[in-house]
Amino acid sequence: MNILYEDADLLVVDKPGNLVCHSASRPGQLSLAVWVREHGVATPRFLNRLDRETSGVIVVTKNERAAKILGKQMLRREIEKEYVAICWGRFAEERGVVDKPIGLTKDAVVYTKRVVDETGGKPCMTEFEVERRLKEFTVVRLKPRTGRAHQLRVHMAWLGHPIVGDKVYGPDERWYLEFIAKGVTEEMLRCLLMPRHALHATAVSARHPTTQERMRWEAPVAEDMKRFIEEHA
């Protein structure tokens, strides 16, 4: 695990892809929480959480005081997060905002799947900016202004540019069921192009719970995403 920053209050790490934050359903499974406890943080509290396949910056508070202070910053939307994603297709605009509510879908084979829901969904906003154009793909920087589950993946799919490797919001959600049953298969890779979705939390910014200094922690784009970008430039 790459440690980006550590002091008496905080531990900031660069989580690799395909590692869960918590593993309540499988106590013996390796998770970030297990690693953090082994690192010496008895009761880790995550300021931000990432999907298993999403790599990048995670901020862990080491004590209850720090957790409460940063939790209030989160409620006031003072925590800023940035992501980099590789999306299918070429974006028509250089930058923009997706302001579409999100809710659970009722007719998907994956019960946790979200969808843009104009009537019953919760408010949700994502800013995007093109970072690099590839032959058939676009590398975009994403700034979520709300914190809904699967927000970035849903909004990119709604735009018509799903994230490369996404088993739920990509070409066919049934790939997710096959992944659960068999793991990553050759046929899956031929369709999705990557064994995980190409989403990386590149930066988190917050005020330090003790010094009140504005801090920004960054993690370089994961190596598998770098390779994909260079191979498809």
Protein backbone atom coordinates (compact mmCIF):
# COMPACT_ATOMS: atom_id res chain seq x y z
CA MET A 1 0.00 0.00 0.00
CA ASN A 2 1.41 3.37 -0.99
CA ILE A 3 1.14 5.80 1.95
CA LEU A 4 0.70 9.35 0.69
CA TYR A 5 0.58 11.12 4.08
CA GLU A 6 0.48 10.22 7.76
CA ASP A 7 0.42 12.03 11.10
CA ALA A 8 -1.30 11.58 14.49
CA ASP A 9 -4.75 12.29 13.01
CA LEU A 10 -4.71 11.03 9.44
CA LEU A 11 -3.52 8.23 7.22
CA VAL A 12 -3.85 8.83 3.48
CA VAL A 13 -3.23 5.93 1.11
CA ASP A 14 -3.32 5.17 -2.59
CA LYS A 15 -5.67 2.18 -2.76
CA PRO A 16 -5.00 -0.26 -5.60
CA GLY A 17 -7.85 -1.38 -7.82
CA ASN A 18 -9.64 -4.63 -6.96
CA LEU A 19 -9.34 -4.13 -3.20
CA VAL A 20 -12.47 -3.66 -1.08
CA CYS A 21 -12.54 -1.03 1.65
CA HIS A 22 -14.51 -3.24 4.05
CA SER A 23 -15.37 -6.93 3.93
CA ALA A 24 -18.19 -7.48 6.40
CA SER A 25 -19.70 -10.33 4.37
CA ARG A 26 -16.37 -12.15 4.10
CA PRO A 27 -14.42 -11.58 7.34
CA GLY A 28 -11.36 -13.46 6.07
CA GLN A 29 -11.08 -11.52 2.82
CA LEU A 30 -8.27 -9.02 2.45
CA SER A 31 -9.56 -5.45 2.68
CA LEU A 32 -8.20 -1.96 3.15
CA ALA A 33 -9.70 -1.89 6.66
CA VAL A 34 -7.72 -5.03 7.60
CA TRP A 35 -4.50 -3.51 6.24
CA VAL A 36 -5.10 -0.24 8.12
CA ARG A 37 -5.63 -2.10 11.41
CA GLU A 38 -2.44 -4.07 10.83
CA HIS A 39 -0.73 -0.74 10.19
CA GLY A 40 -1.68 0.30 13.73
CA VAL A 41 -4.99 2.14 13.44
CA ALA A 42 -7.28 0.22 15.80
CA THR A 43 -10.55 1.85 14.68
CA PRO A 44 -10.16 3.21 11.15
CA ARG A 45 -12.80 5.64 9.92
CA PHE A 46 -12.81 6.33 6.20
CA LEU A 47 -13.49 9.90 5.12
CA ASN A 48 -14.19 8.68 1.59
CA ARG A 49 -14.85 5.20 0.24
CA LEU A 50 -14.14 3.78 -3.19
CA ASP A 51 -15.70 0.87 -5.04
CA ARG A 52 -13.61 -2.29 -5.03
CA GLU A 53 -12.41 -1.70 -8.59
CA THR A 54 -11.74 2.04 -8.19
CA SER A 55 -8.15 2.93 -7.33
CA GLY A 56 -6.75 6.07 -5.73
CA VAL A 57 -6.77 8.37 -2.73
CA ILE A 58 -8.53 7.34 0.48
CA VAL A 59 -8.33 9.42 3.67
CA VAL A 60 -8.51 7.51 6.96
CA THR A 61 -9.01 9.29 10.28
CA LYS A 62 -7.20 7.77 13.26
CA ASN A 63 -9.38 9.09 16.08
CA GLU A 64 -12.96 10.10 16.80
CA ARG A 65 -12.17 13.82 17.07
CA ALA A 66 -10.63 13.96 13.60
CA ALA A 67 -13.50 11.88 12.21
CA LYS A 68 -16.12 14.30 13.58
CA ILE A 69 -14.32 17.41 12.30
CA LEU A 70 -13.84 16.02 8.81
CA GLY A 71 -17.35 14.58 8.85
CA LYS A 72 -18.73 18.09 9.37
CA GLN A 73 -16.60 19.34 6.48
CA MET A 74 -18.13 16.60 4.35
CA LEU A 75 -21.67 17.63 5.33
CA ARG A 76 -20.84 21.26 4.42
CA ARG A 77 -19.43 20.01 1.10
CA GLU A 78 -16.01 21.43 1.90
CA ILE A 79 -14.24 18.22 0.90
CA GLU A 80 -13.18 18.29 -2.75
CA LYS A 81 -12.54 15.13 -4.74
CA GLU A 82 -11.18 14.62 -8.24
CA TYR A 83 -11.13 11.50 -10.41
CA VAL A 84 -9.69 10.49 -13.74
CA ALA A 85 -11.64 8.08 -15.95
CA ILE A 86 -11.14 6.53 -19.37
CA CYS A 87 -14.45 6.61 -21.22
CA TRP A 88 -15.69 5.06 -24.44
CA GLY A 89 -16.04 7.39 -27.42
CA ARG A 90 -15.01 10.98 -28.05
CA PHE A 91 -16.66 13.74 -26.03
CA ALA A 92 -18.26 16.49 -28.12
CA GLU A 93 -17.56 19.17 -25.48
CA GLU A 94 -14.32 20.01 -23.69
CA ARG A 95 -16.09 20.48 -20.37
CA GLY A 96 -19.55 20.44 -18.89
CA VAL A 97 -21.82 19.55 -15.98
CA VAL A 98 -24.16 16.59 -15.59
CA ASP A 99 -26.94 17.66 -13.23
CA LYS A 100 -29.18 14.59 -13.15
CA PRO A 101 -30.81 12.84 -10.15
CA ILE A 102 -29.92 9.22 -9.48
CA GLY A 103 -31.97 6.39 -7.99
CA LEU A 104 -32.04 2.60 -7.86
CA THR A 105 -33.38 0.94 -10.97
CA LYS A 106 -36.13 -1.65 -10.58
CA ASP A 107 -35.64 -3.75 -13.69
CA ALA A 108 -31.89 -4.49 -13.74
CA VAL A 109 -30.39 -7.93 -13.19
CA VAL A 110 -27.88 -6.28 -10.81
CA TYR A 111 -29.96 -5.20 -7.82
CA THR A 112 -27.54 -2.42 -6.76
CA LYS A 113 -27.57 -0.75 -10.17
CA ARG A 114 -28.41 2.96 -10.25
CA VAL A 115 -29.92 4.98 -13.06
CA VAL A 116 -30.76 8.59 -13.87
CA ASP A 117 -34.26 9.04 -12.40
CA GLU A 118 -35.82 12.42 -13.16
CA THR A 119 -38.83 11.88 -10.86
CA GLY A 120 -37.72 9.78 -7.89
CA GLY A 121 -33.95 10.15 -7.86
CA LYS A 122 -31.78 12.13 -5.45
CA PRO A 123 -30.04 15.32 -6.66
CA CYS A 124 -26.67 14.57 -8.20
CA MET A 125 -24.08 16.72 -9.97
CA THR A 126 -20.79 15.93 -11.71
CA GLU A 127 -18.40 18.31 -13.47
CA PHE A 128 -16.28 16.88 -16.29
CA GLU A 129 -13.35 18.15 -18.34
CA VAL A 130 -11.55 16.44 -21.18
CA GLU A 131 -7.93 15.74 -20.26
CA ARG A 132 -6.78 13.77 -23.30
CA ARG A 133 -8.39 12.49 -26.48
CA LEU A 134 -7.44 9.02 -27.70
CA LYS A 135 -8.37 7.34 -30.98
CA GLU A 136 -11.61 5.77 -29.71
CA PHE A 137 -11.67 6.88 -26.08
CA THR A 138 -11.51 10.04 -23.96
CA VAL A 139 -9.62 10.58 -20.72
CA VAL A 140 -11.70 12.89 -18.51
CA ARG A 141 -11.23 14.56 -15.15
CA LEU A 142 -14.35 14.31 -12.97
CA LYS A 143 -15.34 16.41 -9.97
CA PRO A 144 -18.39 15.11 -8.08
CA ARG A 145 -20.34 17.88 -6.37
CA THR A 146 -22.53 15.34 -4.57
CA GLY A 147 -21.64 11.95 -3.13
CA ARG A 148 -24.11 9.41 -4.48
CA ALA A 149 -23.22 5.75 -4.89
CA HIS A 150 -21.95 4.96 -8.41
CA GLN A 151 -22.47 8.63 -9.33
CA LEU A 152 -19.60 9.03 -11.77
CA ARG A 153 -20.24 5.71 -13.49
CA VAL A 154 -23.96 6.45 -13.87
CA HIS A 155 -23.43 9.98 -15.17
CA MET A 156 -20.81 8.94 -17.72
CA ALA A 157 -23.06 6.13 -18.96
CA TRP A 158 -25.97 8.59 -19.20
CA LEU A 159 -23.80 10.84 -21.37
CA GLY A 160 -23.28 7.90 -23.70
CA HIS A 161 -19.64 7.49 -22.65
CA PRO A 162 -19.50 4.64 -20.11
CA ILE A 163 -16.22 4.03 -18.31
CA VAL A 164 -14.00 1.41 -19.95
CA GLY A 165 -14.16 -1.92 -18.12
CA ASP A 166 -17.40 -1.18 -16.27
CA LYS A 167 -19.25 -4.48 -15.78
CA VAL A 168 -22.51 -2.85 -14.65
CA TYR A 169 -22.82 0.40 -16.61
CA GLY A 170 -20.90 -0.70 -19.69
CA PRO A 171 -22.10 -2.71 -22.71
CA ASP A 172 -24.00 -5.39 -20.74
CA GLU A 173 -24.66 -5.61 -17.01
CA ARG A 174 -24.69 -9.43 -17.25
CA TRP A 175 -20.90 -9.28 -17.35
CA TYR A 176 -21.07 -8.46 -13.64
CA LEU A 177 -22.97 -11.68 -12.91
CA GLU A 178 -20.46 -13.67 -14.95
CA PHE A 179 -17.62 -11.99 -13.05
CA ILE A 180 -19.18 -13.02 -9.71
CA ALA A 181 -19.52 -16.60 -10.94
CA LYS A 182 -16.28 -17.06 -12.89
CA GLY A 183 -14.02 -14.07 -12.34
CA VAL A 184 -12.48 -12.26 -15.30
CA THR A 185 -12.73 -14.33 -18.48
CA GLU A 186 -11.07 -13.90 -21.87
CA GLU A 187 -14.43 -13.20 -23.51
CA MET A 188 -15.13 -10.52 -20.91
CA LEU A 189 -11.78 -8.86 -21.56
CA ARG A 190 -12.41 -8.84 -25.31
CA CYS A 191 -15.62 -6.92 -24.68
CA LEU A 192 -14.69 -4.67 -21.75
CA LEU A 193 -10.95 -4.25 -22.59
CA MET A 194 -9.88 -3.99 -18.93
CA PRO A 195 -10.35 -6.39 -15.99
CA ARG A 196 -11.58 -3.49 -13.82
CA HIS A 197 -13.30 -0.20 -14.57
CA ALA A 198 -10.87 2.58 -15.49
CA LEU A 199 -11.66 5.00 -12.67
CA HIS A 200 -9.04 6.50 -10.33
CA ALA A 201 -9.46 8.91 -7.41
CA THR A 202 -6.59 11.23 -8.19
CA ALA A 203 -6.99 13.86 -5.44
CA VAL A 204 -8.79 14.71 -2.17
CA SER A 205 -8.67 18.16 -0.56
CA ALA A 206 -9.72 19.05 3.00
CA ARG A 207 -8.76 21.20 5.98
CA HIS A 208 -6.57 19.40 8.49
CA PRO A 209 -8.59 18.57 11.65
CA THR A 210 -5.92 20.03 13.97
CA THR A 211 -4.05 22.75 12.08
CA GLN A 212 -7.00 23.80 9.86
CA GLU A 213 -4.52 24.05 7.00
CA ARG A 214 -6.01 23.32 3.60
CA MET A 215 -4.36 20.14 2.36
CA ARG A 216 -4.46 18.28 -0.93
CA TRP A 217 -3.41 14.66 -1.35
CA GLU A 218 -2.74 13.31 -4.84
CA ALA A 219 -2.10 9.88 -6.30
CA PRO A 220 -0.78 9.41 -9.85
CA VAL A 221 -3.04 7.55 -12.27
CA ALA A 222 -2.80 3.79 -11.74
CA GLU A 223 -0.32 1.89 -13.91
CA ASP A 224 -2.94 -0.25 -15.68
CA MET A 225 -4.79 2.89 -16.77
CA LYS A 226 -1.53 4.51 -17.91
CA ARG A 227 -0.77 1.47 -20.06
CA PHE A 228 -4.23 1.54 -21.61
CA ILE A 229 -3.90 5.24 -22.44
CA GLU A 230 -0.54 4.79 -24.14
CA GLU A 231 -1.70 1.70 -26.05
CA HIS A 232 -4.74 3.58 -27.41
CA ALA A 233 -3.21 7.02 -27.99
